[in-house]
Amino acid sequence: MRFTSLIVELIRARPRLVFWLAVSIQSGLWLLLPLLFYASPPRDLAMVLAIGREHQVGSEFGPPLAFWLADLAFRLAGNHVAGVYLLAQLSAVLTFWALHQLARAMVGAQHAVIAVLLTLTVTVFAAPGVEFGPLLLLRPLWALLLLHLWQIIGEGRRNAWFALSIDVGLLLLAAPSAAPLLLLPIGFALVHPRGRRALASVDPLYALLVIAVLVLPYGIWLLRGGVVPLPELPAPDQLAARALHWGELLIALLVPLAGIAALAALNLKQLGGSAEPPSLHRPPVDPLARQFVYFFALAPAVAGSVLGALFGFDQVVGGAGVALLLAGLAVVILSGDVIYLRRQRLLRVAWGVAVAAPAAVLITLIVVQPWTGGAERDTSLPARDIARFFSDSFERRTNKPLEAVAGDPHLAALIGLGPTRPHWLRDAAPESTPWLTLEEFAKVGGVVVWRASDTVGLPPAEIAKRFPDLVPEIPRAFEWMISGRQPLLRIGWAIVRPKPAP
């Protein structure tokens, strides 16, 4: 007897419902997990909030949009990081919505859902999606750009030019890596006749005007001397090491695709199964759509990894989320006009495991790692207790609210999330935090913090050199979220008293 599961019938009859159910499940999972298991925000997220608090048009850390949005979400949530976690998941939902709209236009509603379900198993959209920042903001903007680019080139919709110009302008305000990424859609449009036809109209001129208006403030900041220096090319004797690094970056892109590979392998005809498996049909795919998907599934990964290796970056330019965004849709197009779903129960279980496994692994590490004596986790620091203690201590000693914090960058960023939102001074490189100089810090006063290895709590030599008049206090010990076998977290600190007004 032929068996068709409820999920398959829902994909056939209500594909949009299946899409929203799947995306909601994953987004809800990664919203609840940090709220329940993170005692402090990840290190990079704390830095993003410390920078966003200053509302700078530009800085050494890049364009301002991601920092502004993170600070806005933090404030709207009552100075709670839950607002930023929610913003990260809203970004993920917008990314998958744009991907779903693009896939529907190319392969139909049913195959579009399969493409999204496959993409949800890519691990770069799991735990890293919690840390809102420039690279995470690139994902929805890149997905929207591809959607509107297809509407212009593939469907001939002139009204999509305005939306595309907004996408490009926001991309340039999101991250420095947006500029090289934009060379890819420009190149694709120039190579294909339909793309050149779209570029030959007057619409791109109006789009350029909108883009110029959006990026004008940041452009002025760059022209006034805030240009971030370009990374240096490697010396000839470093080329071999960079080539090995390129291989490492490519492997780092292939590993997150294990879920898609496992689902494709379990659905192979060669493994046997039902003689008449249920199938999902689609109309023939436009040849341009095939070229579009294959190009943007491969080019960001290849170009991003080459540039990342050439300049010695830790990851591909644009981030893995951009590089792997169309992986699921590319597999769907490769599968042909009819997709047979063999071994339905096994596929359901495998998909559920692929989506839930990153969360299960992360929870296990959070709970077990403190008992094994392993390295500490950034998210296990008691951020709220740390911020409250140093804010209260400064106010009791000086009768003034804490306005600035310096020293260990991670600890200083966490204290910057306290009730008074003190300014963060990066004293090791004060030029990168132009909103506060060492002279201004000495004037307004603040707290200097560092990691203490004993109960004496003398400051490290480099901090003592930058702040020669420090009088260290007795180190403050804090308990971890899960103490386990870890020693107490000791933080050395000293107060720089504000100078009296003349």
Protein backbone atom coordinates (compact mmCIF):
# COMPACT_ATOMS: atom_id res chain seq x y z
CA MET A 1 0.00 0.00 0.00
CA ARG A 2 1.37 3.44 -0.94
CA PHE A 3 2.02 5.66 2.08
CA THR A 4 2.28 9.45 1.96
CA SER A 5 3.07 11.28 5.16
CA LEU A 6 1.19 14.32 6.43
CA ILE A 7 4.27 16.50 5.87
CA VAL A 8 4.39 15.60 2.17
CA GLU A 9 0.68 16.32 1.79
CA LEU A 10 1.15 19.67 3.53
CA ILE A 11 4.03 20.53 1.19
CA ARG A 12 1.76 19.73 -1.76
CA ALA A 13 -1.34 21.54 -0.49
CA ARG A 14 -0.04 24.22 1.89
CA PRO A 15 3.63 24.89 1.08
CA ARG A 16 3.55 28.37 2.58
CA LEU A 17 2.33 26.94 5.91
CA VAL A 18 5.18 24.41 5.96
CA PHE A 19 7.66 27.20 5.30
CA TRP A 20 6.45 29.32 8.21
CA LEU A 21 6.28 26.33 10.56
CA ALA A 22 9.86 25.26 9.79
CA VAL A 23 11.34 28.76 10.00
CA SER A 24 9.42 29.52 13.20
CA ILE A 25 10.67 26.32 14.83
CA GLN A 26 14.31 27.10 14.14
CA SER A 27 14.05 30.80 15.02
CA GLY A 28 12.15 30.04 18.23
CA LEU A 29 14.76 27.46 19.20
CA TRP A 30 17.66 29.90 18.75
CA LEU A 31 15.79 32.66 20.54
CA LEU A 32 15.05 30.56 23.63
CA LEU A 33 18.46 28.92 23.87
CA PRO A 34 20.53 32.07 24.63
CA LEU A 35 17.80 33.40 26.92
CA LEU A 36 17.91 30.20 28.98
CA PHE A 37 21.57 29.18 28.79
CA TYR A 38 23.62 32.37 28.24
CA ALA A 39 24.62 34.30 31.37
CA SER A 40 26.29 36.93 29.19
CA PRO A 41 26.20 37.83 25.51
CA PRO A 42 28.91 36.39 23.24
CA ARG A 43 32.13 38.40 23.14
CA ASP A 44 31.55 39.91 19.68
CA LEU A 45 27.96 40.87 20.52
CA ALA A 46 29.09 42.71 23.66
CA MET A 47 31.58 44.65 21.52
CA VAL A 48 28.86 45.47 18.97
CA LEU A 49 26.67 46.94 21.73
CA ALA A 50 29.57 48.92 23.19
CA ILE A 51 30.26 50.47 19.78
CA GLY A 52 26.59 50.99 18.92
CA ARG A 53 26.06 52.91 22.16
CA GLU A 54 28.16 55.76 20.68
CA HIS A 55 26.01 56.29 17.53
CA GLN A 56 29.03 56.99 15.37
CA VAL A 57 28.56 57.54 11.62
CA GLY A 58 31.64 55.39 11.06
CA SER A 59 34.53 53.88 12.96
CA GLU A 60 37.48 51.57 12.60
CA PHE A 61 35.05 48.70 13.08
CA GLY A 62 33.21 49.49 9.86
CA PRO A 63 29.95 51.08 8.69
CA PRO A 64 27.39 51.91 11.37
CA LEU A 65 24.11 50.17 10.45
CA ALA A 66 24.56 46.91 12.40
CA PHE A 67 25.79 48.76 15.49
CA TRP A 68 22.87 51.22 15.38
CA LEU A 69 20.29 48.45 15.01
CA ALA A 70 21.80 46.43 17.86
CA ASP A 71 21.77 49.44 20.20
CA LEU A 72 18.19 50.29 19.21
CA ALA A 73 17.02 46.73 19.91
CA PHE A 74 18.87 46.74 23.24
CA ARG A 75 17.21 49.98 24.33
CA LEU A 76 13.73 48.97 23.15
CA ALA A 77 14.02 45.81 25.27
CA GLY A 78 14.66 47.89 28.40
CA ASN A 79 18.47 47.61 28.22
CA HIS A 80 18.25 43.82 27.98
CA VAL A 81 20.18 41.76 25.49
CA ALA A 82 17.01 39.77 24.73
CA GLY A 83 16.12 42.53 22.28
CA VAL A 84 19.29 41.84 20.29
CA TYR A 85 18.66 38.09 20.31
CA LEU A 86 15.19 38.79 18.93
CA LEU A 87 16.66 41.10 16.28
CA ALA A 88 19.04 38.32 15.21
CA GLN A 89 16.15 35.90 14.70
CA LEU A 90 14.08 38.49 12.85
CA SER A 91 17.07 38.84 10.52
CA ALA A 92 17.08 35.06 10.04
CA VAL A 93 13.34 35.01 9.26
CA LEU A 94 13.78 37.81 6.72
CA THR A 95 16.69 35.91 5.13
CA PHE A 96 14.65 32.74 4.66
CA TRP A 97 11.59 34.68 3.51
CA ALA A 98 13.60 36.33 0.73
CA LEU A 99 15.16 32.97 -0.17
CA HIS A 100 11.69 31.40 -0.28
CA GLN A 101 10.35 34.17 -2.56
CA LEU A 102 13.33 33.76 -4.89
CA ALA A 103 12.92 29.98 -4.99
CA ARG A 104 9.14 30.23 -5.63
CA ALA A 105 9.79 32.43 -8.64
CA MET A 106 12.26 29.90 -10.07
CA VAL A 107 11.12 26.41 -9.10
CA GLY A 108 7.55 26.78 -7.83
CA ALA A 109 6.03 26.68 -4.36
CA GLN A 110 6.63 23.01 -3.50
CA HIS A 111 10.28 22.85 -4.51
CA ALA A 112 10.86 26.24 -2.87
CA VAL A 113 9.86 24.74 0.48
CA ILE A 114 12.28 21.85 -0.05
CA ALA A 115 15.05 24.38 -0.78
CA VAL A 116 14.34 26.25 2.46
CA LEU A 117 14.14 23.02 4.50
CA LEU A 118 17.54 22.00 3.17
CA THR A 119 19.02 25.43 3.90
CA LEU A 120 17.76 25.28 7.49
CA THR A 121 20.09 22.32 8.10
CA VAL A 122 23.20 24.38 7.22
CA THR A 123 24.86 24.88 10.59
CA VAL A 124 26.07 28.43 9.92
CA PHE A 125 22.43 29.49 10.29
CA ALA A 126 22.22 27.93 13.78
CA ALA A 127 24.42 29.00 16.71
CA PRO A 128 26.34 31.75 14.85
CA GLY A 129 22.98 33.30 14.00
CA VAL A 130 22.58 34.39 17.63
CA GLU A 131 25.44 36.91 17.45
CA PHE A 132 23.96 39.92 15.69
CA GLY A 133 26.57 42.02 13.96
CA PRO A 134 27.74 43.23 10.55
CA LEU A 135 28.17 39.76 9.00
CA LEU A 136 24.80 38.56 10.25
CA LEU A 137 23.10 41.68 8.91
CA LEU A 138 24.59 40.96 5.49
CA ARG A 139 22.51 37.78 5.18
CA PRO A 140 18.99 39.23 4.84
CA LEU A 141 20.27 42.15 2.78
CA TRP A 142 22.11 39.81 0.41
CA ALA A 143 19.04 37.56 0.11
CA LEU A 144 16.85 40.58 -0.69
CA LEU A 145 19.41 41.81 -3.23
CA LEU A 146 19.38 38.45 -5.04
CA LEU A 147 15.56 38.42 -5.01
CA HIS A 148 15.25 41.89 -6.51
CA LEU A 149 18.11 41.27 -8.94
CA TRP A 150 16.24 38.23 -10.27
CA GLN A 151 13.02 40.23 -10.54
CA ILE A 152 14.87 42.75 -12.71
CA ILE A 153 16.93 40.40 -14.90
CA GLY A 154 14.80 37.26 -14.93
CA GLU A 155 11.29 38.72 -14.81
CA GLY A 156 11.85 42.13 -16.34
CA ARG A 157 10.22 44.03 -13.47
CA ARG A 158 11.41 47.62 -13.65
CA ASN A 159 9.70 48.52 -10.36
CA ALA A 160 12.25 46.32 -8.53
CA TRP A 161 15.05 48.80 -9.25
CA PHE A 162 14.08 50.98 -6.30
CA ALA A 163 14.08 48.02 -3.90
CA LEU A 164 17.45 46.91 -5.30
CA SER A 165 18.92 50.37 -4.70
CA ILE A 166 17.77 50.24 -1.07
CA ASP A 167 19.37 46.79 -0.71
CA VAL A 168 22.68 47.99 -2.12
CA GLY A 169 22.73 51.14 0.01
CA LEU A 170 22.02 49.22 3.21
CA LEU A 171 24.61 46.59 2.29
CA LEU A 172 27.26 49.29 1.99
CA LEU A 173 26.21 50.57 5.43
CA ALA A 174 26.30 47.07 6.96
CA ALA A 175 29.85 45.77 6.56
CA PRO A 176 33.11 46.58 4.74
CA SER A 177 32.92 43.24 2.91
CA ALA A 178 29.78 44.41 1.08
CA ALA A 179 31.83 46.35 -1.50
CA PRO A 180 33.64 43.31 -2.98
CA LEU A 181 30.42 41.28 -2.79
CA LEU A 182 28.62 43.79 -5.00
CA LEU A 183 31.08 43.07 -7.80
CA LEU A 184 29.41 39.66 -8.24
CA PRO A 185 25.89 40.84 -9.22
CA ILE A 186 27.42 43.58 -11.37
CA GLY A 187 29.56 41.02 -13.17
CA PHE A 188 26.64 38.61 -13.67
CA ALA A 189 24.46 41.38 -15.12
CA LEU A 190 27.20 42.50 -17.52
CA VAL A 191 27.89 38.99 -18.79
CA HIS A 192 24.32 37.96 -19.59
CA PRO A 193 22.39 39.63 -22.46
CA ARG A 194 19.23 40.04 -20.37
CA GLY A 195 21.30 41.69 -17.67
CA ARG A 196 22.89 44.10 -20.13
CA ARG A 197 19.44 44.92 -21.47
CA ALA A 198 18.27 45.81 -17.97
CA LEU A 199 21.35 47.95 -17.37
CA ALA A 200 20.80 49.83 -20.64
CA SER A 201 17.68 51.58 -19.29
CA VAL A 202 17.57 54.79 -17.25
CA ASP A 203 16.50 52.91 -14.11
CA PRO A 204 20.08 52.21 -12.91
CA LEU A 205 20.75 55.98 -12.88
CA TYR A 206 17.87 56.57 -10.47
CA ALA A 207 19.08 53.59 -8.40
CA LEU A 208 22.57 55.11 -8.17
CA LEU A 209 21.01 58.35 -6.91
CA VAL A 210 19.16 56.50 -4.12
CA ILE A 211 22.32 54.60 -3.17
CA ALA A 212 24.32 57.85 -3.04
CA VAL A 213 21.77 59.44 -0.72
CA LEU A 214 21.83 56.45 1.63
CA VAL A 215 25.60 56.20 1.94
CA LEU A 216 26.30 59.96 1.84
CA PRO A 217 26.95 60.42 5.61
CA TYR A 218 29.27 57.42 5.76
CA GLY A 219 30.97 58.54 2.55
CA ILE A 220 31.60 61.98 4.04
CA TRP A 221 33.11 60.33 7.11
CA LEU A 222 35.43 58.30 4.87
CA LEU A 223 36.47 61.38 2.91
CA ARG A 224 37.24 63.26 6.11
CA GLY A 225 39.99 60.80 6.97
CA GLY A 226 38.20 57.84 8.51
CA VAL A 227 39.23 55.44 5.76
CA VAL A 228 40.11 52.00 7.09
CA PRO A 229 43.43 50.90 5.52
CA LEU A 230 43.16 48.07 3.06
CA PRO A 231 44.72 44.77 4.13
CA GLU A 232 48.21 44.20 2.86
CA LEU A 233 49.04 41.62 0.23
CA PRO A 234 51.14 38.70 1.52
CA ALA A 235 54.87 38.53 0.94
CA PRO A 236 56.08 35.88 -1.54
CA ASP A 237 57.33 33.63 1.26
CA GLN A 238 53.81 33.62 2.77
CA LEU A 239 51.99 32.39 -0.32
CA ALA A 240 52.33 28.70 0.56
CA ALA A 241 50.84 29.27 4.01
CA ARG A 242 48.01 31.32 2.51
CA ALA A 243 47.29 28.54 0.03
CA LEU A 244 46.95 26.09 2.92
CA HIS A 245 44.70 28.60 4.66
CA TRP A 246 42.52 28.71 1.54
CA GLY A 247 42.05 24.96 1.84
CA GLU A 248 41.06 25.39 5.48
CA LEU A 249 38.47 28.02 4.56
CA LEU A 250 36.99 25.76 1.89
CA ILE A 251 36.75 22.88 4.37
CA ALA A 252 35.10 25.26 6.83
CA LEU A 253 32.46 25.92 4.16
CA LEU A 254 31.93 22.24 3.32
CA VAL A 255 31.45 21.01 6.90
CA PRO A 256 28.24 23.03 7.52
CA LEU A 257 26.72 21.33 4.46
CA ALA A 258 26.77 17.92 6.15
CA GLY A 259 23.01 18.07 6.79
CA ILE A 260 22.20 18.64 3.12
CA ALA A 261 24.62 15.87 2.11
CA ALA A 262 23.07 13.42 4.58
CA LEU A 263 19.50 14.15 3.43
CA ALA A 264 20.51 13.80 -0.23
CA ALA A 265 22.25 10.49 0.49
CA LEU A 266 19.28 9.08 2.40
CA ASN A 267 17.02 9.91 -0.55
CA LEU A 268 19.16 8.13 -3.15
CA LYS A 269 17.35 5.68 -5.41
CA GLN A 270 20.25 3.22 -5.16
CA LEU A 271 19.47 2.55 -1.48
CA GLY A 272 16.13 0.98 -2.36
CA GLY A 273 12.81 1.89 -0.78
CA SER A 274 9.25 2.15 -2.00
CA ALA A 275 8.61 1.31 -5.65
CA GLU A 276 6.28 4.31 -5.97
CA PRO A 277 7.53 7.04 -3.62
CA PRO A 278 5.58 10.30 -3.41
CA SER A 279 6.86 12.99 -5.71
CA LEU A 280 6.86 16.76 -6.01
CA HIS A 281 6.67 18.24 -9.52
CA ARG A 282 7.64 21.62 -10.89
CA PRO A 283 7.51 23.34 -14.28
CA PRO A 284 10.75 23.43 -16.30
CA VAL A 285 13.30 25.86 -14.88
CA ASP A 286 14.36 28.86 -16.93
CA PRO A 287 17.97 28.33 -18.13
CA LEU A 288 18.82 31.79 -16.83
CA ALA A 289 17.52 30.74 -13.39
CA ARG A 290 19.89 27.76 -13.40
CA GLN A 291 22.82 29.98 -14.30
CA PHE A 292 21.77 32.53 -11.67
CA VAL A 293 21.54 29.99 -8.86
CA TYR A 294 24.70 28.11 -9.75
CA PHE A 295 26.67 31.35 -10.07
CA PHE A 296 25.54 32.81 -6.75
CA ALA A 297 25.86 29.44 -5.00
CA LEU A 298 29.52 29.12 -6.02
CA ALA A 299 30.94 32.59 -6.70
CA PRO A 300 30.55 34.06 -3.16
CA ALA A 301 32.14 30.93 -1.68
CA VAL A 302 35.04 30.77 -4.12
CA ALA A 303 35.75 34.50 -4.31
CA GLY A 304 35.20 35.00 -0.58
CA SER A 305 37.52 32.15 0.35
CA VAL A 306 40.24 33.31 -2.06
CA LEU A 307 40.15 36.86 -0.69
CA GLY A 308 39.95 35.59 2.88
CA ALA A 309 43.01 33.40 2.40
CA LEU A 310 44.92 36.06 0.44
CA PHE A 311 44.56 38.65 3.19
CA GLY A 312 44.78 36.20 6.11
CA PHE A 313 41.20 36.58 7.39
CA ASP A 314 39.71 34.05 9.80
CA GLN A 315 36.71 33.41 7.54
CA VAL A 316 35.51 33.99 4.00
CA VAL A 317 34.78 37.55 2.95
CA GLY A 318 31.10 38.21 3.52
CA GLY A 319 30.73 35.34 5.97
CA ALA A 320 29.66 31.74 5.55
CA GLY A 321 25.97 32.70 5.76
CA VAL A 322 26.24 34.65 2.50
CA ALA A 323 28.48 32.07 0.81
CA LEU A 324 26.12 29.14 1.54
CA LEU A 325 22.77 30.90 1.20
CA LEU A 326 21.79 29.28 -2.12
CA ALA A 327 23.22 25.82 -1.40
CA GLY A 328 19.79 24.27 -0.78
CA LEU A 329 18.24 25.86 -3.86
CA ALA A 330 21.17 24.70 -6.00
CA VAL A 331 20.62 21.09 -4.83
CA VAL A 332 16.89 21.35 -5.64
CA ILE A 333 17.59 22.58 -9.17
CA LEU A 334 20.18 19.83 -9.66
CA SER A 335 17.61 17.23 -8.58
CA GLY A 336 15.46 17.70 -11.67
CA ASP A 337 11.84 18.64 -12.34
CA VAL A 338 10.54 15.77 -10.18
CA ILE A 339 11.79 15.16 -6.63
CA TYR A 340 10.94 11.74 -5.19
CA LEU A 341 10.78 11.50 -1.40
CA ARG A 342 11.97 8.01 -0.52
CA ARG A 343 12.12 6.74 3.09
CA GLN A 344 9.89 9.56 4.36
CA ARG A 345 10.07 8.67 8.06
CA LEU A 346 13.86 8.49 7.95
CA LEU A 347 14.06 11.81 6.12
CA ARG A 348 11.86 13.47 8.75
CA VAL A 349 14.01 12.16 11.57
CA ALA A 350 17.24 13.11 9.80
CA TRP A 351 15.98 16.65 9.15
CA GLY A 352 14.91 17.05 12.78
CA VAL A 353 18.30 15.82 13.99
CA ALA A 354 20.16 18.14 11.60
CA VAL A 355 18.20 21.16 12.84
CA ALA A 356 18.30 20.28 16.56
CA ALA A 357 21.84 18.83 16.75
CA PRO A 358 23.70 22.19 16.92
CA ALA A 359 21.48 23.29 19.81
CA ALA A 360 21.94 19.96 21.62
CA VAL A 361 25.72 20.11 21.18
CA LEU A 362 25.85 23.69 22.45
CA ILE A 363 23.75 22.92 25.53
CA THR A 364 25.91 19.89 26.27
CA LEU A 365 29.07 22.00 26.06
CA ILE A 366 27.60 24.67 28.33
CA VAL A 367 26.63 22.11 30.97
CA VAL A 368 29.52 19.64 30.71
CA GLN A 369 32.54 21.80 29.88
CA PRO A 370 32.81 23.41 33.36
CA TRP A 371 33.11 19.92 34.89
CA THR A 372 35.87 18.80 32.53
CA GLY A 373 38.21 21.69 33.27
CA GLY A 374 38.05 22.87 29.66
CA ALA A 375 38.36 26.39 28.38
CA GLU A 376 35.87 28.89 29.70
CA ARG A 377 32.94 29.99 27.56
CA ASP A 378 32.31 33.68 26.95
CA THR A 379 28.60 33.19 27.54
CA SER A 380 29.13 31.77 31.04
CA LEU A 381 30.40 35.01 32.62
CA PRO A 382 27.86 36.53 35.05
CA ALA A 383 27.50 39.73 33.02
CA ARG A 384 24.71 41.29 35.04
CA ASP A 385 26.48 40.80 38.37
CA ILE A 386 29.73 42.16 36.95
CA ALA A 387 28.12 45.29 35.53
CA ARG A 388 26.08 45.96 38.66
CA PHE A 389 29.02 45.55 41.05
CA PHE A 390 31.38 47.95 39.29
CA SER A 391 28.67 50.51 38.56
CA ASP A 392 27.56 50.51 42.21
CA SER A 393 31.12 50.55 43.53
CA PHE A 394 32.07 53.59 41.45
CA GLU A 395 28.92 55.47 42.43
CA ARG A 396 29.43 54.75 46.15
CA ARG A 397 33.05 55.91 46.03
CA THR A 398 32.55 59.06 43.94
CA ASN A 399 28.87 59.89 44.33
CA LYS A 400 28.65 60.01 40.52
CA PRO A 401 27.33 57.50 38.00
CA LEU A 402 29.90 55.41 36.14
CA GLU A 403 30.60 57.08 32.79
CA ALA A 404 33.60 55.22 31.39
CA VAL A 405 35.34 51.85 31.62
CA ALA A 406 38.70 50.64 30.30
CA GLY A 407 41.11 47.73 30.60
CA ASP A 408 40.29 44.20 29.47
CA PRO A 409 38.16 44.73 26.32
CA HIS A 410 35.74 41.87 26.98
CA LEU A 411 35.13 42.75 30.63
CA ALA A 412 34.87 46.45 29.78
CA ALA A 413 32.27 45.73 27.10
CA LEU A 414 30.20 43.69 29.58
CA ILE A 415 30.33 46.51 32.15
CA GLY A 416 29.24 48.83 29.35
CA LEU A 417 25.90 46.99 29.35
CA GLY A 418 25.22 48.15 32.92
CA PRO A 419 22.44 50.52 33.95
CA THR A 420 24.44 53.71 33.21
CA ARG A 421 25.79 52.39 29.83
CA PRO A 422 29.33 53.72 30.45
CA HIS A 423 31.53 54.54 27.46
CA TRP A 424 34.12 51.95 26.50
CA LEU A 425 37.72 53.12 26.10
CA ARG A 426 39.98 50.78 24.17
CA ASP A 427 43.07 51.99 25.99
CA ALA A 428 45.42 49.68 24.07
CA ALA A 429 44.40 51.46 20.83
CA PRO A 430 42.53 54.63 21.80
CA GLU A 431 42.41 55.82 18.18
CA SER A 432 39.84 53.09 17.47
CA THR A 433 37.44 54.52 20.08
CA PRO A 434 37.51 58.22 19.18
CA TRP A 435 34.50 59.00 21.34
CA LEU A 436 36.75 58.84 24.43
CA THR A 437 40.45 59.61 24.79
CA LEU A 438 42.82 58.79 27.63
CA GLU A 439 42.81 62.46 28.68
CA GLU A 440 39.00 62.58 28.78
CA PHE A 441 38.93 59.30 30.70
CA ALA A 442 41.24 60.79 33.34
CA LYS A 443 38.95 63.81 33.56
CA VAL A 444 35.54 62.11 33.85
CA GLY A 445 36.88 59.13 35.81
CA GLY A 446 35.93 55.52 35.48
CA VAL A 447 36.81 51.94 36.27
CA VAL A 448 39.78 50.00 34.88
CA VAL A 449 39.41 46.20 34.96
CA TRP A 450 41.61 43.20 34.19
CA ARG A 451 41.78 39.46 34.81
CA ALA A 452 43.36 38.70 38.19
CA SER A 453 45.23 35.47 38.75
CA ASP A 454 45.61 35.84 42.53
CA THR A 455 44.15 37.67 45.52
CA VAL A 456 46.62 40.56 45.22
CA GLY A 457 45.27 41.73 41.88
CA LEU A 458 48.12 43.85 40.55
CA PRO A 459 47.35 45.21 37.08
CA PRO A 460 49.20 43.82 34.05
CA ALA A 461 52.28 45.76 33.02
CA GLU A 462 50.71 47.25 29.90
CA ILE A 463 47.70 48.58 31.84
CA ALA A 464 49.93 49.94 34.62
CA LYS A 465 51.98 51.74 31.98
CA ARG A 466 48.93 53.42 30.46
CA PHE A 467 47.48 54.28 33.88
CA PRO A 468 50.54 54.95 36.08
CA ASP A 469 48.57 56.31 39.05
CA LEU A 470 46.29 53.30 39.50
CA VAL A 471 45.62 52.13 43.04
CA PRO A 472 44.32 48.58 42.67
CA GLU A 473 41.49 47.35 44.85
CA ILE A 474 41.09 43.85 46.26
CA PRO A 475 40.06 41.64 43.33
CA ARG A 476 36.37 40.82 43.14
CA ALA A 477 35.49 37.15 42.76
CA PHE A 478 32.41 36.07 40.79
CA GLU A 479 30.82 32.65 40.39
CA TRP A 480 30.29 31.24 36.94
CA MET A 481 26.81 30.36 35.69
CA ILE A 482 27.86 26.70 36.19
CA SER A 483 30.93 26.59 38.42
CA GLY A 484 31.88 22.94 38.00
CA ARG A 485 35.61 22.49 38.55
CA GLN A 486 36.53 25.98 37.39
CA PRO A 487 38.11 28.42 39.85
CA LEU A 488 36.20 31.57 40.65
CA LEU A 489 36.35 34.37 38.13
CA ARG A 490 38.60 37.03 39.68
CA ILE A 491 38.58 40.52 38.28
CA GLY A 492 41.16 43.06 39.32
CA TRP A 493 40.01 46.65 39.28
CA ALA A 494 40.84 50.20 40.17
CA ILE A 495 38.93 53.44 40.22
CA VAL A 496 40.11 56.54 38.41
CA ARG A 497 38.42 59.31 40.33
CA PRO A 498 36.93 62.16 38.29
CA LYS A 499 38.79 65.44 38.47
CA PRO A 500 36.94 68.28 40.19
CA ALA A 501 35.64 71.04 37.97
CA PRO A 502 37.87 74.17 37.99
